[in-house]
Amino acid sequence: MPRRSVSALLAGFCLVSAAAPSLADPPVPKAAASVLNRIKAADSNLLAVSEEDGRFLRFLVVSSGAKRVLEIGGANGYSAIWIGLGLRETGGRLVTIEYDAARAKDAEANIRAAGLADVVQVVSGDAFKAIPGLPGTFDMVFLDAWKKDYQRFFDLVFPRLDNGGIFVAHNVVNKAAEMGDFLTTLRTHPGLRSAIVSPSGEGISVSVKRQER
């Protein structure tokens, strides 16, 4: 699937933020839907993204044609399943990293039950240590880890993001006070073009890495 232009992608993101992403969603396979519902029902700590944001992530993967995706902060696998559903369509793969060993184990079981074990790889451990050991580059990164570490993660991953690749971060509206340095980077970095959308009110930043000239 060819990568869409920066302008077309950002226009699409703004359109989706103004209307419910679910309006044009393809059906969720029965096994995946069951697991997603179960994770949400048990999510007392509110670690998972909202369903609206999950649907948006799926749309983002498919619309951009992403194939090599990294998730930082996988929790119990809810967002990884949504991303994995998109990657099932593009033929890509996701590596999701979760710091808490018990949650990483749950994520692996949930992803397997959702029928996405061949699409999503779960890595348990410290993402700052794990990312340098991952091979290759990424055409999409989704960040949903400790908010005060967003800038450090951006600095670590940005050199590994393909030209035209997408850096996506969660909670940039409802937890903006915890990531001021990162939000400043989104506004001022010469290598980015960014937009913020809010399907659920939590806020998702979408930044496209400009082509080097």
Protein backbone atom coordinates (compact mmCIF):
# COMPACT_ATOMS: atom_id res chain seq x y z
CA MET A 1 0.00 0.00 0.00
CA PRO A 2 1.57 3.32 -1.02
CA ARG A 3 2.21 5.93 1.65
CA ARG A 4 -0.09 8.92 1.37
CA SER A 5 1.26 12.46 1.28
CA VAL A 6 1.71 14.41 4.51
CA SER A 7 -1.08 16.83 3.57
CA ALA A 8 -3.52 14.05 2.71
CA LEU A 9 -2.80 12.18 5.94
CA LEU A 10 -3.25 15.21 8.17
CA ALA A 11 -6.42 16.20 6.36
CA GLY A 12 -7.76 12.70 6.92
CA PHE A 13 -6.86 12.79 10.60
CA CYS A 14 -8.70 16.08 11.13
CA LEU A 15 -11.74 14.73 9.31
CA VAL A 16 -11.84 11.63 11.49
CA SER A 17 -11.41 13.69 14.67
CA ALA A 18 -14.51 15.66 13.75
CA ALA A 19 -16.67 12.58 13.23
CA ALA A 20 -16.88 9.20 14.93
CA PRO A 21 -14.16 6.89 13.53
CA SER A 22 -16.56 3.98 13.92
CA LEU A 23 -18.79 5.29 11.12
CA ALA A 24 -16.56 3.77 8.44
CA ASP A 25 -14.87 1.01 10.43
CA PRO A 26 -14.69 -2.47 9.00
CA PRO A 27 -16.10 -5.16 11.32
CA VAL A 28 -13.93 -6.40 14.18
CA PRO A 29 -13.42 -10.18 14.03
CA LYS A 30 -15.43 -12.01 16.69
CA ALA A 31 -12.40 -13.33 18.60
CA ALA A 32 -10.75 -9.91 18.73
CA ALA A 33 -13.98 -8.18 19.74
CA SER A 34 -14.44 -10.61 22.62
CA VAL A 35 -10.92 -9.98 23.92
CA LEU A 36 -11.24 -6.21 23.54
CA ASN A 37 -14.48 -6.23 25.54
CA ARG A 38 -12.93 -8.40 28.24
CA ILE A 39 -9.87 -6.14 28.60
CA LYS A 40 -12.06 -3.05 28.90
CA ALA A 41 -14.32 -4.66 31.49
CA ALA A 42 -11.31 -5.48 33.68
CA ASP A 43 -9.44 -2.19 33.14
CA SER A 44 -9.95 -0.72 36.62
CA ASN A 45 -6.71 1.27 36.41
CA LEU A 46 -7.69 2.87 33.08
CA LEU A 47 -4.47 1.77 31.43
CA ALA A 48 -6.01 1.07 28.02
CA VAL A 49 -6.81 3.70 25.44
CA SER A 50 -10.48 4.45 24.82
CA GLU A 51 -12.36 2.42 22.22
CA GLU A 52 -12.60 5.55 20.05
CA ASP A 53 -8.83 6.00 20.18
CA GLY A 54 -8.28 2.33 19.46
CA ARG A 55 -10.45 2.55 16.37
CA PHE A 56 -8.53 5.65 15.31
CA LEU A 57 -5.21 3.80 15.65
CA ARG A 58 -6.52 1.06 13.38
CA PHE A 59 -7.60 3.68 10.85
CA LEU A 60 -4.21 5.37 11.12
CA VAL A 61 -2.32 2.18 10.32
CA VAL A 62 -4.47 1.33 7.31
CA SER A 63 -4.66 4.86 5.91
CA SER A 64 -0.89 5.36 6.13
CA GLY A 65 0.01 1.89 4.89
CA ALA A 66 2.26 1.31 7.91
CA LYS A 67 4.06 -2.02 8.08
CA ARG A 68 6.81 -1.68 10.71
CA VAL A 69 5.23 -0.36 13.90
CA LEU A 70 6.60 0.10 17.40
CA GLU A 71 4.40 0.60 20.48
CA ILE A 72 5.97 1.90 23.70
CA GLY A 73 3.76 1.11 26.69
CA GLY A 74 1.59 -1.83 25.73
CA ALA A 75 -0.23 -2.43 29.06
CA ASN A 76 -2.56 -5.44 28.61
CA GLY A 77 -2.56 -5.37 24.83
CA TYR A 78 -5.73 -3.37 24.10
CA SER A 79 -4.17 -0.82 21.76
CA ALA A 80 -1.87 -3.47 20.29
CA ILE A 81 -4.93 -5.44 19.18
CA TRP A 82 -6.39 -2.39 17.43
CA ILE A 83 -3.05 -1.66 15.76
CA GLY A 84 -2.68 -5.35 14.90
CA LEU A 85 -6.08 -5.36 13.18
CA GLY A 86 -4.83 -2.56 10.95
CA LEU A 87 -1.56 -4.35 10.27
CA ARG A 88 -3.49 -7.47 9.28
CA GLU A 89 -4.75 -5.36 6.37
CA THR A 90 -1.39 -3.82 5.43
CA GLY A 91 0.65 -7.00 5.90
CA GLY A 92 2.79 -5.42 8.60
CA ARG A 93 3.99 -6.28 12.09
CA LEU A 94 4.01 -4.61 15.51
CA VAL A 95 6.51 -4.80 18.34
CA THR A 96 4.91 -3.69 21.59
CA ILE A 97 7.02 -3.11 24.72
CA GLU A 98 5.56 -3.27 28.23
CA TYR A 99 7.61 -2.55 31.36
CA ASP A 100 5.47 -4.55 33.84
CA ALA A 101 6.15 -8.28 33.44
CA ALA A 102 2.68 -9.37 34.58
CA ARG A 103 0.96 -6.99 32.18
CA ALA A 104 3.26 -8.08 29.36
CA LYS A 105 2.28 -11.69 30.01
CA ASP A 106 -1.40 -10.75 29.94
CA ALA A 107 -0.87 -8.79 26.73
CA GLU A 108 0.72 -11.78 25.05
CA ALA A 109 -2.19 -14.03 26.05
CA ASN A 110 -4.76 -11.44 24.95
CA ILE A 111 -3.09 -10.91 21.59
CA ARG A 112 -2.93 -14.66 21.02
CA ALA A 113 -6.62 -15.04 21.93
CA ALA A 114 -7.45 -12.23 19.48
CA GLY A 115 -5.81 -14.19 16.68
CA LEU A 116 -2.94 -11.76 16.19
CA ALA A 117 0.07 -13.66 17.51
CA ASP A 118 1.56 -13.76 14.01
CA VAL A 119 1.25 -9.97 13.70
CA VAL A 120 2.19 -8.67 17.18
CA GLN A 121 5.34 -9.40 19.17
CA VAL A 122 5.32 -8.54 22.89
CA VAL A 123 8.60 -7.50 24.51
CA SER A 124 8.68 -7.42 28.31
CA GLY A 125 11.05 -4.95 29.94
CA ASP A 126 12.43 -1.43 29.98
CA ALA A 127 11.78 0.21 26.61
CA PHE A 128 14.85 2.43 26.97
CA LYS A 129 16.95 -0.73 27.05
CA ALA A 130 14.91 -2.78 24.59
CA ILE A 131 14.58 -0.30 21.72
CA PRO A 132 18.30 -0.06 20.87
CA GLY A 133 18.32 -3.85 20.40
CA LEU A 134 15.46 -3.88 17.90
CA PRO A 135 16.50 -4.21 14.25
CA GLY A 136 15.74 -1.80 11.45
CA THR A 137 13.59 1.31 11.31
CA PHE A 138 9.90 2.06 11.89
CA ASP A 139 7.27 3.72 9.74
CA MET A 140 4.97 4.29 12.72
CA VAL A 141 5.57 4.64 16.46
CA PHE A 142 2.81 4.80 19.09
CA LEU A 143 3.85 6.18 22.48
CA ASP A 144 1.66 5.60 25.55
CA ALA A 145 4.15 5.19 28.39
CA TRP A 146 5.10 7.31 31.43
CA LYS A 147 4.14 10.82 30.33
CA LYS A 148 7.17 12.60 31.79
CA ASP A 149 9.38 10.36 29.63
CA TYR A 150 7.76 11.32 26.32
CA GLN A 151 10.57 13.65 25.28
CA ARG A 152 13.24 11.05 26.12
CA PHE A 153 11.42 8.42 24.09
CA PHE A 154 11.03 10.83 21.18
CA ASP A 155 14.76 11.60 21.23
CA LEU A 156 15.54 7.87 21.26
CA VAL A 157 13.16 6.82 18.50
CA PHE A 158 13.06 9.77 16.09
CA PRO A 159 16.36 8.83 14.39
CA ARG A 160 14.88 5.37 13.74
CA LEU A 161 11.69 6.73 12.17
CA ASP A 162 11.56 6.55 8.38
CA ASN A 163 11.22 9.74 6.37
CA GLY A 164 7.47 10.16 5.97
CA GLY A 165 6.92 7.96 9.02
CA ILE A 166 4.40 8.80 11.76
CA PHE A 167 5.08 9.42 15.45
CA VAL A 168 1.87 9.11 17.46
CA ALA A 169 1.49 9.95 21.16
CA HIS A 170 -1.45 9.43 23.52
CA ASN A 171 -2.93 11.62 26.30
CA VAL A 172 -1.56 14.86 24.85
CA VAL A 173 -4.74 16.74 25.85
CA ASN A 174 -5.84 15.34 29.20
CA LYS A 175 -2.25 14.97 30.53
CA ALA A 176 -0.63 17.86 28.69
CA ALA A 177 0.76 19.30 31.94
CA GLU A 178 2.98 16.23 32.34
CA MET A 179 4.73 16.54 28.97
CA GLY A 180 5.38 20.21 28.33
CA ASP A 181 8.82 19.64 26.82
CA PHE A 182 7.45 17.08 24.37
CA LEU A 183 4.57 19.32 23.28
CA THR A 184 7.05 22.14 22.69
CA THR A 185 9.02 19.80 20.45
CA LEU A 186 5.89 19.01 18.44
CA ARG A 187 5.31 22.73 17.88
CA THR A 188 8.88 23.72 17.05
CA HIS A 189 10.80 20.75 15.60
CA PRO A 190 11.77 21.56 11.99
CA GLY A 191 11.62 17.90 11.02
CA LEU A 192 7.97 17.43 11.96
CA ARG A 193 4.54 18.38 10.80
CA SER A 194 2.06 17.71 13.59
CA ALA A 195 -1.64 17.75 14.37
CA ILE A 196 -3.62 16.88 17.50
CA VAL A 197 -6.89 15.00 17.21
CA SER A 198 -9.21 13.99 20.03
CA PRO A 199 -11.60 11.14 19.21
CA SER A 200 -12.31 10.57 22.93
CA GLY A 201 -11.08 13.72 24.67
CA GLU A 202 -7.74 12.23 25.76
CA GLY A 203 -5.89 13.60 22.76
CA ILE A 204 -3.60 11.99 20.19
CA SER A 205 -0.75 13.81 18.49
CA VAL A 206 0.11 12.71 14.97
CA SER A 207 3.49 13.89 13.71
CA VAL A 208 4.85 13.13 10.26
CA LYS A 209 8.62 13.12 9.80
CA ARG A 210 9.45 15.46 6.96
CA GLN A 211 11.36 14.10 4.00
CA GLU A 212 15.04 15.01 4.11
CA ARG A 213 16.18 17.13 1.19
